[in-house]
N, C-alpha and C. Protein backbone atom coordinates (compact mmCIF):
# COMPACT_ATOMS: atom_id res chain seq x y z
N MET A 1 -2.64 -6.86 13.78
CA MET A 1 -2.22 -7.80 12.47
C MET A 1 -1.54 -7.18 11.36
N LYS A 2 -0.47 -8.20 10.79
CA LYS A 2 0.08 -7.38 10.18
C LYS A 2 0.80 -8.48 9.10
N PHE A 3 1.13 -8.68 8.06
CA PHE A 3 1.85 -9.57 6.96
C PHE A 3 2.02 -8.87 5.36
N THR A 4 3.22 -9.45 5.06
CA THR A 4 3.86 -9.13 4.08
C THR A 4 3.39 -9.99 2.48
N ILE A 5 3.62 -9.62 1.54
CA ILE A 5 3.65 -10.54 0.09
C ILE A 5 4.41 -9.51 -0.46
N ASP A 6 5.16 -10.42 -1.79
CA ASP A 6 6.03 -10.04 -2.57
C ASP A 6 5.15 -10.28 -3.95
N SER A 7 4.83 -8.92 -4.78
CA SER A 7 4.68 -9.43 -6.17
C SER A 7 5.28 -9.11 -7.19
N ARG A 8 5.98 -9.73 -7.95
CA ARG A 8 7.03 -9.77 -8.80
C ARG A 8 6.35 -8.96 -9.91
N SER A 9 5.47 -8.15 -10.34
CA SER A 9 5.17 -7.05 -11.05
C SER A 9 3.95 -6.22 -10.90
N LEU A 10 3.99 -4.97 -11.49
CA LEU A 10 2.66 -4.42 -11.29
C LEU A 10 1.56 -4.75 -11.62
N ALA A 11 1.92 -5.56 -12.84
CA ALA A 11 0.26 -6.16 -13.50
C ALA A 11 -0.06 -7.14 -11.89
N GLU A 12 0.78 -7.92 -11.43
CA GLU A 12 0.52 -8.95 -10.41
C GLU A 12 -0.06 -8.29 -9.45
N THR A 13 0.28 -6.67 -8.88
CA THR A 13 0.11 -6.37 -7.68
C THR A 13 -1.89 -5.86 -8.40
N VAL A 14 -1.87 -5.45 -9.44
CA VAL A 14 -3.38 -5.12 -9.75
C VAL A 14 -3.89 -6.68 -9.40
N GLN A 15 -3.59 -7.67 -9.95
CA GLN A 15 -4.00 -8.69 -9.54
C GLN A 15 -4.49 -9.46 -7.75
N TRP A 16 -3.59 -8.71 -7.46
CA TRP A 16 -3.59 -8.47 -5.66
C TRP A 16 -5.22 -7.74 -5.23
N GLY A 17 -5.01 -6.52 -5.77
CA GLY A 17 -6.13 -5.79 -5.98
C GLY A 17 -7.29 -6.17 -6.30
N ARG A 18 -7.51 -7.28 -7.08
CA ARG A 18 -8.89 -8.03 -7.60
C ARG A 18 -9.04 -8.68 -6.89
N LYS A 19 -8.37 -9.52 -5.87
CA LYS A 19 -8.18 -10.77 -5.07
C LYS A 19 -9.32 -10.11 -3.96
N LEU A 20 -7.99 -8.88 -3.34
CA LEU A 20 -8.89 -7.82 -2.53
C LEU A 20 -10.47 -7.71 -2.13
N ALA A 21 -10.40 -7.01 -3.47
CA ALA A 21 -11.88 -6.75 -3.93
C ALA A 21 -12.81 -7.86 -3.32
N GLY A 22 -12.74 -8.92 -3.64
CA GLY A 22 -13.23 -10.25 -3.25
C GLY A 22 -13.92 -10.14 -1.52
N ILE A 23 -13.39 -10.09 -0.86
CA ILE A 23 -13.88 -9.46 0.52
C ILE A 23 -14.06 -8.23 0.85
N LEU A 24 -14.34 -7.47 0.08
CA LEU A 24 -14.51 -6.00 0.65
C LEU A 24 -16.45 -6.13 0.85
N THR A 25 -16.39 -5.22 1.24
CA THR A 25 -17.78 -5.00 1.73
C THR A 25 -18.08 -3.43 2.62
N GLY A 26 -19.37 -3.13 2.10
CA GLY A 26 -20.00 -2.03 2.43
C GLY A 26 -19.05 -1.76 3.95
N GLY A 27 -18.90 -0.23 4.29
CA GLY A 27 -18.24 0.17 5.39
C GLY A 27 -16.61 0.43 5.30
N ASP A 28 -15.99 -0.08 4.57
CA ASP A 28 -14.69 -1.24 4.68
C ASP A 28 -13.93 0.57 3.97
N VAL A 29 -12.65 0.59 4.72
CA VAL A 29 -11.56 1.76 4.46
C VAL A 29 -10.49 1.10 4.61
N VAL A 30 -10.02 1.48 2.63
CA VAL A 30 -8.48 0.71 2.67
C VAL A 30 -7.72 2.18 2.55
N CYS A 31 -6.29 2.12 3.10
CA CYS A 31 -5.92 3.08 3.20
C CYS A 31 -4.30 2.80 1.92
N LEU A 32 -3.82 3.47 1.43
CA LEU A 32 -2.82 2.58 0.56
C LEU A 32 -1.76 3.73 0.70
N TYR A 33 -0.29 3.49 0.88
CA TYR A 33 0.45 4.40 1.39
C TYR A 33 1.59 3.45 0.27
N GLY A 34 2.59 4.27 -0.17
CA GLY A 34 3.77 4.37 -0.98
C GLY A 34 4.10 5.26 -1.77
N GLN A 35 5.51 5.39 -2.30
CA GLN A 35 6.13 6.28 -3.07
C GLN A 35 5.44 6.66 -3.96
N LEU A 36 5.71 8.21 -4.96
CA LEU A 36 5.00 8.05 -6.12
C LEU A 36 5.85 6.77 -7.27
N GLY A 37 4.34 6.18 -8.06
CA GLY A 37 5.00 4.95 -9.01
C GLY A 37 5.35 3.62 -8.12
N ALA A 38 4.38 4.20 -7.18
CA ALA A 38 4.65 2.31 -6.69
C ALA A 38 3.90 1.41 -6.41
N GLY A 39 2.51 2.06 -7.18
CA GLY A 39 1.34 1.36 -7.74
C GLY A 39 -0.03 1.41 -7.09
N LYS A 40 -0.36 2.40 -6.47
CA LYS A 40 -1.29 2.61 -5.77
C LYS A 40 -2.49 2.65 -6.50
N THR A 41 -2.28 3.34 -7.55
CA THR A 41 -3.20 3.52 -8.40
C THR A 41 -3.49 2.21 -9.28
N SER A 42 -2.67 1.19 -9.71
CA SER A 42 -2.81 0.69 -10.49
C SER A 42 -3.36 -0.40 -9.58
N PHE A 43 -2.89 -0.69 -7.93
CA PHE A 43 -4.02 -1.68 -7.33
C PHE A 43 -5.05 -1.15 -7.15
N THR A 44 -5.67 0.04 -7.10
CA THR A 44 -6.96 0.35 -6.90
C THR A 44 -7.89 0.47 -8.14
N GLN A 45 -7.22 -0.07 -9.15
CA GLN A 45 -7.70 -0.37 -10.67
C GLN A 45 -8.29 -1.88 -10.47
N GLY A 46 -7.06 -2.46 -10.13
CA GLY A 46 -7.44 -3.81 -9.94
C GLY A 46 -8.60 -4.34 -8.91
N VAL A 47 -8.58 -3.47 -7.73
CA VAL A 47 -10.06 -3.62 -6.88
C VAL A 47 -11.22 -3.12 -7.56
N GLY A 48 -11.01 -1.90 -8.15
CA GLY A 48 -12.35 -1.41 -9.24
C GLY A 48 -12.71 -2.55 -10.27
N ARG A 49 -11.60 -3.67 -10.68
CA ARG A 49 -12.10 -4.67 -11.73
C ARG A 49 -12.49 -5.60 -11.36
N GLY A 50 -12.34 -6.06 -9.70
CA GLY A 50 -12.55 -7.26 -9.06
C GLY A 50 -14.28 -6.83 -8.39
N LEU A 51 -14.42 -5.50 -8.06
CA LEU A 51 -16.12 -4.82 -8.19
C LEU A 51 -16.86 -5.01 -9.07
N GLU A 52 -16.37 -5.36 -10.30
CA GLU A 52 -16.74 -5.21 -11.47
C GLU A 52 -17.38 -3.57 -12.15
N LEU A 53 -16.78 -3.04 -12.01
CA LEU A 53 -17.20 -2.10 -12.53
C LEU A 53 -17.22 -1.81 -13.84
N ASP A 54 -17.75 -0.59 -14.39
CA ASP A 54 -18.13 -0.96 -15.68
C ASP A 54 -17.52 -0.05 -16.19
N GLU A 55 -16.82 1.09 -15.37
CA GLU A 55 -15.86 1.86 -16.08
C GLU A 55 -14.40 2.05 -15.59
N SER A 56 -13.30 2.27 -16.45
CA SER A 56 -11.57 2.60 -15.87
C SER A 56 -11.59 3.06 -14.56
N VAL A 57 -11.07 2.97 -13.65
CA VAL A 57 -10.46 3.50 -12.20
C VAL A 57 -9.75 4.49 -12.88
N VAL A 58 -9.32 5.52 -13.06
CA VAL A 58 -8.67 6.40 -12.87
C VAL A 58 -8.09 7.33 -11.78
N SER A 59 -6.98 8.11 -11.71
CA SER A 59 -6.66 8.73 -10.58
C SER A 59 -7.39 10.16 -10.45
N PRO A 60 -7.82 9.98 -9.13
CA PRO A 60 -8.57 11.22 -9.03
C PRO A 60 -7.65 12.68 -8.06
N THR A 61 -6.56 12.60 -8.70
CA THR A 61 -5.30 13.46 -8.47
C THR A 61 -5.77 14.97 -8.12
N PHE A 62 -6.32 14.94 -8.64
CA PHE A 62 -7.24 16.47 -9.16
C PHE A 62 -8.43 16.99 -8.71
N THR A 63 -9.26 16.27 -8.82
CA THR A 63 -10.30 15.92 -8.02
C THR A 63 -10.61 15.61 -6.84
N LEU A 64 -9.47 14.74 -6.57
CA LEU A 64 -9.42 14.27 -5.13
C LEU A 64 -10.63 12.75 -4.68
N ILE A 65 -11.58 13.34 -5.39
CA ILE A 65 -12.37 12.36 -4.86
C ILE A 65 -13.07 11.32 -6.18
N HIS A 66 -13.47 10.30 -6.63
CA HIS A 66 -14.17 9.54 -7.89
C HIS A 66 -15.05 8.96 -6.92
N ALA A 67 -15.93 8.94 -7.10
CA ALA A 67 -17.12 7.78 -6.97
C ALA A 67 -18.04 6.97 -7.68
N TYR A 68 -18.00 5.52 -7.71
CA TYR A 68 -18.00 4.82 -8.74
C TYR A 68 -19.80 4.18 -8.00
N ASP A 69 -20.72 4.21 -8.86
CA ASP A 69 -21.85 3.21 -8.60
C ASP A 69 -21.24 1.43 -8.63
N LEU A 70 -21.71 0.76 -8.05
CA LEU A 70 -21.42 -0.74 -8.07
C LEU A 70 -22.47 -1.02 -8.82
N PRO A 71 -22.30 -2.21 -9.69
CA PRO A 71 -23.09 -3.15 -10.53
C PRO A 71 -24.43 -3.37 -9.26
N PHE A 72 -25.52 -4.15 -9.42
CA PHE A 72 -25.98 -4.53 -8.42
C PHE A 72 -25.99 -6.22 -8.23
N VAL A 73 -24.33 -6.58 -7.24
CA VAL A 73 -23.97 -7.54 -7.24
C VAL A 73 -24.02 -8.18 -6.21
N ARG A 74 -23.31 -9.11 -5.31
CA ARG A 74 -23.40 -9.99 -4.17
C ARG A 74 -23.14 -8.69 -2.87
N ARG A 75 -22.64 -7.80 -3.23
CA ARG A 75 -22.04 -7.20 -2.30
C ARG A 75 -22.82 -6.46 -1.34
N ARG A 76 -23.15 -5.78 -0.27
CA ARG A 76 -23.44 -5.22 0.31
C ARG A 76 -22.24 -3.77 0.35
N ALA A 77 -22.88 -3.65 -0.72
CA ALA A 77 -22.25 -2.23 -0.76
C ALA A 77 -22.91 -1.01 -2.50
N ALA A 78 -23.05 -0.27 -2.54
CA ALA A 78 -23.34 0.73 -3.72
C ALA A 78 -22.71 1.50 -4.29
N ARG A 79 -21.64 2.03 -3.40
CA ARG A 79 -20.62 2.85 -3.97
C ARG A 79 -18.89 2.22 -4.14
N PHE A 80 -18.63 2.87 -4.86
CA PHE A 80 -16.76 2.88 -4.40
C PHE A 80 -16.36 3.69 -4.72
N ILE A 81 -15.85 4.21 -3.26
CA ILE A 81 -15.41 5.96 -3.88
C ILE A 81 -13.22 5.81 -3.38
N HIS A 82 -13.13 6.53 -4.18
CA HIS A 82 -11.28 6.84 -4.74
C HIS A 82 -10.97 7.43 -4.42
N MET A 83 -10.13 7.81 -2.98
CA MET A 83 -9.60 9.27 -2.87
C MET A 83 -8.35 9.32 -3.01
N ASP A 84 -7.66 10.37 -3.55
CA ASP A 84 -6.36 10.67 -3.48
C ASP A 84 -5.91 11.85 -2.91
N LEU A 85 -5.07 12.06 -1.64
CA LEU A 85 -5.24 13.49 -1.13
C LEU A 85 -4.06 13.61 -0.98
N TYR A 86 -2.86 13.18 -1.87
CA TYR A 86 -1.77 13.75 -2.24
C TYR A 86 -1.68 15.39 -1.79
N ARG A 87 -2.03 16.10 -2.49
CA ARG A 87 -2.33 17.61 -2.36
C ARG A 87 -3.17 18.31 -1.52
N LEU A 88 -3.23 17.65 -0.39
CA LEU A 88 -4.22 18.25 1.21
C LEU A 88 -2.19 17.73 1.93
N GLY A 89 -2.43 18.66 2.41
CA GLY A 89 -1.54 18.62 4.32
C GLY A 89 -2.26 18.99 5.27
N THR A 90 -3.34 19.01 5.64
CA THR A 90 -4.01 18.69 6.84
C THR A 90 -4.94 18.30 7.43
N VAL A 91 -5.68 17.97 8.58
CA VAL A 91 -6.85 17.21 8.81
C VAL A 91 -7.74 17.85 8.04
N GLU A 92 -7.73 19.56 8.48
CA GLU A 92 -9.29 20.23 8.29
C GLU A 92 -9.13 20.88 6.38
N GLU A 93 -8.04 20.52 5.97
CA GLU A 93 -8.59 20.14 4.11
C GLU A 93 -9.14 18.99 4.13
N ALA A 94 -8.98 17.80 4.97
CA ALA A 94 -9.78 16.51 4.55
C ALA A 94 -10.53 16.69 5.07
N GLU A 95 -11.23 17.23 6.39
CA GLU A 95 -12.58 17.42 6.39
C GLU A 95 -13.66 18.21 5.57
N GLN A 96 -12.87 19.20 5.23
CA GLN A 96 -13.53 20.32 4.25
C GLN A 96 -14.31 19.31 3.19
N ILE A 97 -13.35 19.05 2.20
CA ILE A 97 -13.84 18.16 1.48
C ILE A 97 -14.66 16.88 1.34
N GLY A 98 -14.47 16.20 2.64
CA GLY A 98 -15.71 15.82 3.06
C GLY A 98 -15.49 14.11 3.34
N VAL A 99 -14.58 14.01 3.67
CA VAL A 99 -13.60 12.70 3.89
C VAL A 99 -14.57 11.58 5.03
N ASP A 100 -14.46 12.47 5.72
CA ASP A 100 -15.42 11.50 6.53
C ASP A 100 -16.49 11.37 6.85
N ASP A 101 -17.14 11.96 6.16
CA ASP A 101 -19.19 11.90 5.47
C ASP A 101 -18.88 10.77 4.39
N CYS A 102 -17.94 10.22 3.56
CA CYS A 102 -17.96 9.29 2.50
C CYS A 102 -17.60 7.31 3.32
N GLN A 103 -17.06 7.83 4.77
CA GLN A 103 -17.35 6.31 5.56
C GLN A 103 -18.86 5.73 5.73
N GLN A 104 -19.62 5.60 4.66
CA GLN A 104 -20.99 5.03 4.87
C GLN A 104 -21.33 3.58 4.99
N GLU A 105 -21.79 2.92 5.21
CA GLU A 105 -22.02 1.47 5.22
C GLU A 105 -22.56 0.55 3.98
N ASP A 106 -23.23 1.80 3.09
CA ASP A 106 -23.12 1.32 1.85
C ASP A 106 -21.88 1.49 0.66
N ALA A 107 -20.79 2.13 1.27
CA ALA A 107 -19.52 2.25 0.02
C ALA A 107 -18.29 1.95 0.93
N ILE A 108 -17.64 1.71 -0.18
CA ILE A 108 -15.86 1.00 0.03
C ILE A 108 -15.10 2.07 -0.25
N VAL A 109 -14.06 2.26 0.65
CA VAL A 109 -13.37 3.45 0.20
C VAL A 109 -12.19 3.18 0.37
N LEU A 110 -11.28 3.58 -0.86
CA LEU A 110 -9.48 3.27 -0.76
C LEU A 110 -8.98 4.73 -0.81
N ILE A 111 -8.63 5.17 0.07
CA ILE A 111 -7.91 6.46 -0.07
C ILE A 111 -6.06 6.43 0.03
N GLU A 112 -5.33 6.90 -1.47
CA GLU A 112 -4.33 6.96 -1.64
C GLU A 112 -3.93 8.28 -0.94
N TRP A 113 -2.83 8.05 -0.19
CA TRP A 113 -2.21 9.47 0.66
C TRP A 113 -2.67 10.20 1.67
N PRO A 114 -3.41 8.87 2.61
CA PRO A 114 -4.30 9.19 3.68
C PRO A 114 -3.93 9.44 4.50
N GLU A 115 -2.46 10.48 4.72
CA GLU A 115 -2.13 10.73 5.90
C GLU A 115 -3.09 11.95 6.55
N SER A 116 -3.22 13.19 6.11
CA SER A 116 -3.79 14.17 6.15
C SER A 116 -5.24 13.40 6.94
N ALA A 117 -5.90 12.44 6.47
CA ALA A 117 -7.24 11.90 7.01
C ALA A 117 -7.15 11.13 8.13
N LEU A 118 -5.96 10.68 8.53
CA LEU A 118 -5.75 9.77 9.20
C LEU A 118 -7.05 9.97 10.89
N PRO A 119 -7.01 11.39 11.20
CA PRO A 119 -7.65 11.56 12.53
C PRO A 119 -9.21 11.42 12.01
N LEU A 120 -9.50 11.21 10.95
CA LEU A 120 -11.22 11.29 10.85
C LEU A 120 -11.61 9.93 10.31
N LEU A 121 -10.38 8.95 10.14
CA LEU A 121 -11.26 7.96 9.60
C LEU A 121 -10.89 6.61 10.58
N ASP A 122 -11.68 5.53 10.26
CA ASP A 122 -12.06 4.69 11.55
C ASP A 122 -11.02 3.75 11.94
N ALA A 123 -10.72 3.22 13.42
CA ALA A 123 -9.22 2.76 13.37
C ALA A 123 -9.72 1.38 13.02
N ASP A 124 -10.95 0.81 12.47
CA ASP A 124 -10.88 -0.92 12.08
C ASP A 124 -10.26 -1.08 10.32
N ARG A 125 -9.97 0.13 10.40
CA ARG A 125 -9.29 0.43 8.59
C ARG A 125 -8.46 -0.81 8.37
N LEU A 126 -8.29 -1.21 7.04
CA LEU A 126 -7.36 -2.09 6.65
C LEU A 126 -6.01 -0.73 5.68
N GLU A 127 -4.79 -0.73 6.50
CA GLU A 127 -3.93 -0.11 5.99
C GLU A 127 -2.89 -0.82 4.88
N LEU A 128 -2.34 -0.28 3.49
CA LEU A 128 -1.61 -1.32 2.38
C LEU A 128 -0.19 -0.38 2.15
N THR A 129 0.87 -1.16 2.57
CA THR A 129 2.07 -0.16 2.42
C THR A 129 2.84 -1.00 0.57
N ILE A 130 2.74 -0.01 -0.19
CA ILE A 130 3.57 -0.92 -1.37
C ILE A 130 4.69 -0.22 -1.25
N GLU A 131 5.60 -1.26 -0.90
CA GLU A 131 7.33 -0.95 -1.70
C GLU A 131 8.12 -0.91 -3.57
N GLY A 132 8.72 -0.30 -3.47
CA GLY A 132 9.27 -0.46 -4.91
C GLY A 132 8.22 0.10 -6.03
N CYS A 133 8.87 0.64 -7.08
CA CYS A 133 8.44 1.07 -7.68
C CYS A 133 9.15 0.77 -9.61
N GLY A 134 8.14 1.60 -10.72
CA GLY A 134 8.75 1.14 -11.89
C GLY A 134 9.01 0.09 -12.35
N ASP A 135 9.60 -0.63 -12.65
CA ASP A 135 10.23 -2.14 -13.27
C ASP A 135 10.43 -3.11 -12.01
N GLN A 136 10.34 -2.29 -10.63
CA GLN A 136 10.94 -3.13 -10.02
C GLN A 136 9.93 -4.16 -9.47
N PRO A 137 9.89 -5.50 -8.52
CA PRO A 137 9.21 -6.19 -7.80
C PRO A 137 8.51 -5.00 -6.73
N ARG A 138 7.31 -5.59 -6.17
CA ARG A 138 6.49 -4.94 -4.67
C ARG A 138 6.93 -5.69 -3.78
N ARG A 139 6.52 -5.04 -2.77
CA ARG A 139 6.51 -5.86 -1.28
C ARG A 139 5.37 -5.27 -1.09
N LEU A 140 4.30 -5.97 -0.47
CA LEU A 140 2.78 -5.23 -0.07
C LEU A 140 2.62 -5.82 0.95
N THR A 141 2.34 -4.86 2.29
CA THR A 141 2.54 -4.68 3.39
C THR A 141 0.92 -4.74 4.23
N PHE A 142 0.17 -5.29 4.54
CA PHE A 142 -0.69 -5.27 4.76
C PHE A 142 -0.90 -5.32 6.43
N GLN A 143 -1.52 -4.56 7.06
CA GLN A 143 -1.54 -4.19 8.83
C GLN A 143 -3.18 -3.74 8.66
N SER A 144 -3.41 -4.01 10.24
CA SER A 144 -4.82 -3.44 10.93
C SER A 144 -5.25 -3.46 12.24
N ALA A 145 -5.33 -2.85 12.90
CA ALA A 145 -5.37 -2.54 14.70
C ALA A 145 -6.41 -3.84 14.69
N ALA A 146 -7.53 -3.78 13.57
CA ALA A 146 -8.98 -4.47 14.14
C ALA A 146 -8.29 -6.08 13.53
N GLU A 147 -8.12 -7.14 14.50
CA GLU A 147 -8.23 -8.55 14.31
C GLU A 147 -8.96 -9.15 13.39
N ALA A 148 -10.45 -8.54 12.89
CA ALA A 148 -11.02 -9.38 12.24
C ALA A 148 -10.61 -9.52 10.36
N TRP A 149 -9.76 -7.95 10.31
CA TRP A 149 -9.30 -8.28 9.05
C TRP A 149 -8.09 -9.57 8.52
N ARG A 150 -7.45 -10.13 9.99
CA ARG A 150 -7.12 -11.27 9.45
C ARG A 150 -7.99 -12.63 8.87
N GLN A 151 -8.78 -12.99 9.28
CA GLN A 151 -9.78 -13.88 8.78
C GLN A 151 -10.27 -13.67 7.80
N ARG A 152 -10.50 -12.40 7.10
CA ARG A 152 -11.26 -11.69 5.86
C ARG A 152 -10.06 -12.23 4.93
N LEU A 153 -8.95 -11.94 5.42
CA LEU A 153 -8.13 -12.01 4.75
C LEU A 153 -7.67 -13.26 3.58
N ALA A 154 -7.57 -14.42 4.67
CA ALA A 154 -7.43 -15.62 4.63
C ALA A 154 -8.56 -16.05 3.97
N GLU A 155 -9.80 -15.36 4.32
CA GLU A 155 -10.75 -15.98 3.90
C GLU A 155 -11.31 -15.87 2.00
N GLY A 156 -10.32 -14.74 1.62
CA GLY A 156 -9.79 -14.12 0.31
C GLY A 156 -8.71 -14.72 -0.29
N ASP A 157 -8.03 -16.05 0.36
CA ASP A 157 -7.14 -16.49 0.23
C ASP A 157 -5.64 -15.56 -0.15
N ILE A 158 -5.53 -13.91 0.77
CA ILE A 158 -4.80 -13.42 0.89
C ILE A 158 -4.02 -13.70 2.31
N PRO A 159 -2.42 -14.23 1.98
CA PRO A 159 -2.29 -14.82 3.28
C PRO A 159 -1.70 -13.72 4.44
C-alpha cells in the first residue's frame, strides 16, 4: 500500500497528524522520514493533539525518547512514545536504548529518523515520508507492507 497527499503548509501537515491520531491504537508503530525541517516533529505534534495529550510534544533530539501518558479515552493505548533516532548510527545503539522494548500493545510509537532501528521494528508498521521544508508545500507519502493500513487510513478519511 502506498499513496501520496499534498500538504500546502506546515499547519496543514500538523492537521494531517491530528487526522492520523484518530485511527492509531496500541501496538501501532509509525516511522517518519524526511530531511531536517521537513515537519516530522510538527506532524508528531499534530498526532499528540489528536491523542488529546495534556502537554506539548517536543522533539526528543537529545533524550532520544519521550513517553507521554495518554488520557483515559476511547483508545486502546496507555502511552504515546515519540523517538528521534537522528543521533544513532547502528542497530546495536537502537537496541541499547530499548527501541524494541517500546513496541507494546499499550503504546503508540512514532519514530523520527528510524533507519538505525528498522531491523528491530515490526514489519506491519506505517511509514511516512515528508518531502519539502521551510515555507514550501509538503508531499506526504504513506506506505506499509501491511495491507490493513489501507482500510484503516480510509476509515480515518486519509486517502
